[in-house]
Structure formats: C-alpha cells, structure tokens
C-alpha cells in the first residue's frame, strides 16, 4: 500500500489514479532499492531514501565526505540507505533513515544496521589537523555540532535540511545507547528537569500575592497561569 503524493490517501501500488482525490498517479522505481513509488514523493516509502539520489552501491562524486572529501558510496542495509566513506568510515544518513533506526521499537532494523557497521573507538575530541566544522555533502552548508542525546557522549554534525554525519564508530555507539534504553532515560531526565524548573518558577510567582493584589500586575498573573498550564500538560 502506497500513499497518494497529493492527498496522502492510501492507494494500491498498481493504481493509476487516486480514488480519493482523482489525481493521476505516475509510477517510478526508487533508484536505490528499486521498489515502486509515485512521482511526487520526495522519499521512497520502502527504504526512506531521497528519490533524487543515485542508485545504491554507486559512488557519488557530487557527494563528498564532510571529513576527508572522498566520494561517498550509497549502501542499502535492510530498508535503510546509508552513504559511507571508504576512507575514514564516516556515514551520512538523511533524516528519514535516522528516524527509522531510532523509532524501531522491535529493534530489528537497528540490529541489522549495527551488524553491518564496523566497530570503531569513538572520541569527542577533534584530532590534530582535523577540521572542527564540516559541510553537508548535499548542500555544502556548514553543519551544526551537537550532542546526540544526554548520556551518549557522542557529538554529531547535523544539517537541518538533509541529515546527519557520523564519524567512524558514532552510529554504532548511538544504536547501542538507544537499544539499552538510554534515549528513553535521557528523555525522562529532561522531563524531570523541566518539571523542577516549572515548579520553582510557579512557587516564585505564586509567592507574590501582595505584588499581584496591590498593582494588579497582568504580567505576574498571566505568567503564573501559563506555568500552571505547562505544569498540567507535563503531568
């Protein structure tokens, strides 16, 4: 079952028109996994790859490794497409591929990818002569460096528009972190910290009755109501 690229309604992969909105459906094959998709989709519904990228296994001279400038090579692992550098072992995944790995509750996809990647020591320090900030292989804009999640100890390079670059060993380390429940624990700690911060601010605002009644301060009243609302949503 595929989705109409115009209205999103489910439709047979052999349909020529959408039964919901009547849009003509033109088929094409994903250049990476060769599964059927419709013209108008930006990502393959089967492997998640961006449909304007070259076929799996092909070297992309137009996609240079952000770390060492060597051409990247596409590889299909299960239903996830990765672009890897044969020299420095860096990996570039688009946002769809990353989401598929991280949100894999059964962990089958993550385990398959983990088994296909070589183990490598992870370091957060930039090596002598190595560039600190690297460019996205798709748009060539400088990517943002950020901690993947609290507790991982892994700093990755992220392009908001196209994906994330992982140095050698970083993606396996992240997958193991997610599989061990680390991501859920990091989210729980972040939520607890937010609750504590809101609780402190609520106590400070509600502890100012004289200011509110004397000056009828709308700022204090509205601020207290907003924090109460946020606190209720978290609960």
Protein backbone atom coordinates (compact mmCIF):
# COMPACT_ATOMS: atom_id res chain seq x y z
CA UNK A 1 0.00 0.00 0.00
CA UNK A 2 1.37 3.39 -1.06
CA UNK A 3 0.15 6.92 -0.35
CA UNK A 4 -1.08 9.45 -2.87
CA UNK A 5 1.57 12.21 -3.12
CA UNK A 6 -1.21 14.80 -3.49
CA UNK A 7 -3.67 13.99 -0.67
CA UNK A 8 -1.89 11.27 1.29
CA UNK A 9 -4.71 8.73 0.96
CA UNK A 10 -3.74 5.07 0.86
CA UNK A 11 -3.85 3.50 -2.56
CA UNK A 12 -2.74 0.34 -4.32
CA UNK A 13 0.76 0.37 -5.75
CA UNK A 14 -0.76 -0.56 -9.11
CA UNK A 15 -3.39 2.21 -9.15
CA UNK A 16 -3.26 4.75 -11.96
CA UNK A 17 -5.46 7.36 -10.24
CA UNK A 18 -6.17 8.16 -6.60
CA UNK A 19 -9.67 7.00 -5.63
CA UNK A 20 -9.89 9.77 -3.03
CA UNK A 21 -8.86 12.91 -4.94
CA UNK A 22 -8.65 11.71 -8.53
CA UNK A 23 -5.01 12.68 -9.03
CA UNK A 24 -3.23 10.78 -11.81
CA UNK A 25 -0.59 8.52 -10.29
CA UNK A 26 2.59 8.08 -12.30
CA UNK A 27 4.82 5.25 -11.09
CA UNK A 28 8.57 5.12 -10.95
CA UNK A 29 11.13 2.93 -9.25
CA UNK A 30 13.20 4.08 -6.30
CA UNK A 31 16.73 4.49 -7.71
CA UNK A 32 18.15 2.85 -4.60
CA UNK A 33 16.00 -0.12 -3.55
CA UNK A 34 14.05 -0.34 -6.86
CA UNK A 35 10.66 -0.57 -5.10
CA UNK A 36 7.62 1.11 -6.69
CA UNK A 37 6.80 4.67 -5.73
CA UNK A 38 4.78 7.51 -7.23
CA UNK A 39 6.06 10.61 -8.98
CA UNK A 40 5.73 13.45 -6.47
CA UNK A 41 7.12 11.60 -3.46
CA UNK A 42 10.33 13.06 -2.05
CA UNK A 43 11.26 9.90 -0.13
CA UNK A 44 10.88 6.25 -1.01
CA UNK A 45 8.13 4.66 1.15
CA UNK A 46 10.14 1.42 1.30
CA UNK A 47 13.71 2.45 2.14
CA UNK A 48 13.22 6.11 3.08
CA UNK A 49 15.89 7.33 0.66
CA UNK A 50 15.60 10.71 -1.01
CA UNK A 51 14.44 9.91 -4.52
CA UNK A 52 16.83 12.25 -6.30
CA UNK A 53 19.91 10.35 -5.06
CA UNK A 54 21.81 7.89 -7.20
CA UNK A 55 21.33 4.14 -7.01
CA UNK A 56 22.58 2.01 -4.13
CA UNK A 57 26.17 0.94 -4.50
CA UNK A 58 27.04 3.82 -6.80
CA UNK A 59 29.82 6.22 -5.95
CA UNK A 60 28.53 9.79 -5.67
CA UNK A 61 31.28 12.09 -6.94
CA UNK A 62 28.95 15.01 -6.24
CA UNK A 63 28.61 13.91 -2.58
CA UNK A 64 31.94 14.44 -0.84
CA UNK A 65 32.68 13.08 2.60
CA UNK A 66 32.45 16.02 5.03
CA UNK A 67 35.50 14.78 6.92
CA UNK A 68 38.00 13.81 4.22
CA UNK A 69 36.42 14.94 0.92
CA UNK A 70 36.40 11.44 -0.62
CA UNK A 71 33.30 10.45 -2.66
CA UNK A 72 30.53 8.76 -0.68
CA UNK A 73 29.07 5.41 -1.70
CA UNK A 74 25.42 4.51 -1.13
CA UNK A 75 24.57 1.20 0.55
CA UNK A 76 21.20 -0.37 1.37
CA UNK A 77 21.21 -2.11 4.77
CA UNK A 78 17.84 -3.75 5.35
CA UNK A 79 15.47 -0.93 4.42
CA UNK A 80 17.83 1.90 5.38
CA UNK A 81 20.13 3.67 2.94
CA UNK A 82 23.47 4.95 4.23
CA UNK A 83 26.12 6.94 2.41
CA UNK A 84 29.54 5.85 3.61
CA UNK A 85 33.13 6.89 3.11
CA UNK A 86 35.52 4.04 2.42
CA UNK A 87 38.48 6.08 3.64
CA UNK A 88 37.52 7.48 7.07
CA UNK A 89 34.46 5.20 7.63
CA UNK A 90 32.20 8.22 8.18
CA UNK A 91 28.47 7.84 7.48
CA UNK A 92 25.81 10.25 6.27
CA UNK A 93 22.13 9.40 6.86
CA UNK A 94 19.15 11.51 5.86
CA UNK A 95 16.51 12.35 8.45
CA UNK A 96 14.12 9.63 7.29
CA UNK A 97 16.77 6.91 7.72
CA UNK A 98 17.75 8.16 11.18
CA UNK A 99 14.12 8.27 12.30
CA UNK A 100 13.58 4.70 11.06
CA UNK A 101 16.54 3.47 13.13
CA UNK A 102 15.74 5.41 16.31
CA UNK A 103 11.99 4.69 16.29
CA UNK A 104 12.43 0.96 15.57
CA UNK A 105 10.64 -0.43 18.64
CA UNK A 106 11.31 -4.04 17.64
CA UNK A 107 14.98 -3.06 17.15
CA UNK A 108 15.27 -5.38 14.13
CA UNK A 109 16.28 -2.57 11.81
CA UNK A 110 18.77 -1.16 14.31
CA UNK A 111 20.30 -4.59 14.95
CA UNK A 112 20.70 -5.21 11.21
CA UNK A 113 22.44 -1.88 10.76
CA UNK A 114 24.60 -2.45 13.83
CA UNK A 115 25.79 -5.78 12.43
CA UNK A 116 26.70 -4.19 9.10
CA UNK A 117 28.88 -1.44 10.58
CA UNK A 118 32.46 -1.91 11.78
CA UNK A 119 33.31 -1.26 15.41
CA UNK A 120 35.49 1.78 15.97
CA UNK A 121 36.60 3.75 19.00
CA UNK A 122 34.58 6.94 19.46
CA UNK A 123 36.26 10.16 20.52
CA UNK A 124 34.66 13.57 21.01
CA UNK A 125 37.96 15.37 20.58
CA UNK A 126 38.93 16.76 17.20
CA UNK A 127 42.20 15.22 16.10
CA UNK A 128 45.23 17.40 15.15
CA UNK A 129 44.83 18.65 11.60
CA UNK A 130 41.16 17.63 11.52
CA UNK A 131 38.53 20.27 10.77
CA UNK A 132 36.16 21.15 13.62
CA UNK A 133 33.16 22.12 11.50
CA UNK A 134 32.25 20.19 8.36
CA UNK A 135 29.93 20.84 5.44
CA UNK A 136 26.79 18.94 4.48
CA UNK A 137 27.52 16.70 1.46
CA UNK A 138 24.20 17.69 -0.09
CA UNK A 139 24.02 21.49 0.21
CA UNK A 140 27.61 22.25 1.31
CA UNK A 141 26.41 24.46 4.17
CA UNK A 142 28.36 24.17 7.43
CA UNK A 143 26.60 21.71 9.74
CA UNK A 144 25.88 22.24 13.43
CA UNK A 145 27.79 20.21 16.01
CA UNK A 146 25.64 18.96 18.84
CA UNK A 147 25.39 16.22 21.42
CA UNK A 148 23.11 13.50 20.06
CA UNK A 149 21.48 12.96 23.47
CA UNK A 150 22.45 13.38 27.10
CA UNK A 151 24.47 10.39 28.19
CA UNK A 152 25.69 9.30 24.75
CA UNK A 153 28.93 11.23 24.80
CA UNK A 154 28.60 11.41 21.01
CA UNK A 155 28.75 14.75 19.20
CA UNK A 156 27.38 14.61 15.65
CA UNK A 157 27.22 17.04 12.75
CA UNK A 158 23.68 17.95 11.69
CA UNK A 159 22.25 19.65 8.61
CA UNK A 160 18.65 20.64 9.36
CA UNK A 161 17.63 20.22 5.74
CA UNK A 162 19.34 16.98 4.76
CA UNK A 163 20.65 14.74 7.54
CA UNK A 164 23.42 13.89 9.97
CA UNK A 165 27.06 12.92 9.54
CA UNK A 166 28.53 10.34 11.92
CA UNK A 167 32.26 9.88 12.30
CA UNK A 168 33.58 6.31 12.49
CA UNK A 169 32.03 4.38 15.36
CA UNK A 170 29.49 7.04 16.33
CA UNK A 171 26.39 5.48 14.79
CA UNK A 172 27.03 2.01 16.35
CA UNK A 173 27.56 3.72 19.72
CA UNK A 174 24.25 5.59 19.35
CA UNK A 175 22.37 2.45 18.30
CA UNK A 176 23.68 0.56 21.35
CA UNK A 177 22.72 3.53 23.53
CA UNK A 178 19.16 3.52 22.16
CA UNK A 179 18.81 -0.26 22.45
CA UNK A 180 19.88 -0.15 26.10
CA UNK A 181 17.10 2.34 26.87
CA UNK A 182 19.42 5.32 27.11
CA UNK A 183 17.33 7.57 24.89
CA UNK A 184 14.18 6.96 26.93
CA UNK A 185 16.11 7.59 30.13
CA UNK A 186 17.55 10.84 28.73
CA UNK A 187 14.03 11.98 27.80
CA UNK A 188 12.80 11.09 31.31
CA UNK A 189 15.60 13.12 32.93
CA UNK A 190 14.92 16.08 30.65
CA UNK A 191 11.22 15.95 31.51
CA UNK A 192 12.03 15.78 35.23
CA UNK A 193 14.35 18.79 34.91
CA UNK A 194 11.60 20.73 33.13
CA UNK A 195 9.13 19.84 35.87
CA UNK A 196 11.55 21.03 38.56
CA UNK A 197 12.21 24.30 36.75
CA UNK A 198 8.49 24.98 36.25
CA UNK A 199 7.81 24.09 39.88
CA UNK A 200 10.38 26.60 41.09
CA UNK A 201 9.02 29.33 38.82
CA UNK A 202 5.44 28.58 39.91
CA UNK A 203 6.42 28.84 43.56
CA UNK A 204 8.15 32.16 42.91
CA UNK A 205 5.15 33.64 41.08
CA UNK A 206 2.51 32.33 43.47
CA UNK A 207 4.57 33.57 46.37
CA UNK A 208 3.98 37.21 45.33
CA UNK A 209 0.31 37.87 46.34
CA UNK A 210 0.99 41.38 47.59
CA UNK A 211 2.52 42.42 44.27
CA UNK A 212 -0.40 40.98 42.32
CA UNK A 213 -3.16 42.44 44.50
CA UNK A 214 -1.55 45.84 45.04
CA UNK A 215 -0.53 46.58 41.48
CA UNK A 216 -2.87 44.12 39.75
CA UNK A 217 0.09 43.05 37.63
CA UNK A 218 -1.14 41.29 34.48
CA UNK A 219 2.39 40.01 33.81
CA UNK A 220 2.61 38.13 37.08
CA UNK A 221 -0.95 36.78 36.77
CA UNK A 222 -0.52 35.66 33.15
CA UNK A 223 2.91 34.20 33.89
CA UNK A 224 1.54 32.15 36.76
CA UNK A 225 -1.37 30.89 34.67
CA UNK A 226 0.97 29.90 31.82
CA UNK A 227 3.28 27.97 34.13
CA UNK A 228 0.27 26.25 35.73
CA UNK A 229 -0.86 25.21 32.24
CA UNK A 230 2.59 23.89 31.27
CA UNK A 231 2.81 22.00 34.55
CA UNK A 232 -0.61 20.42 33.91
CA UNK A 233 0.43 19.37 30.40
CA UNK A 234 3.58 17.69 31.73
CA UNK A 235 1.56 15.89 34.41
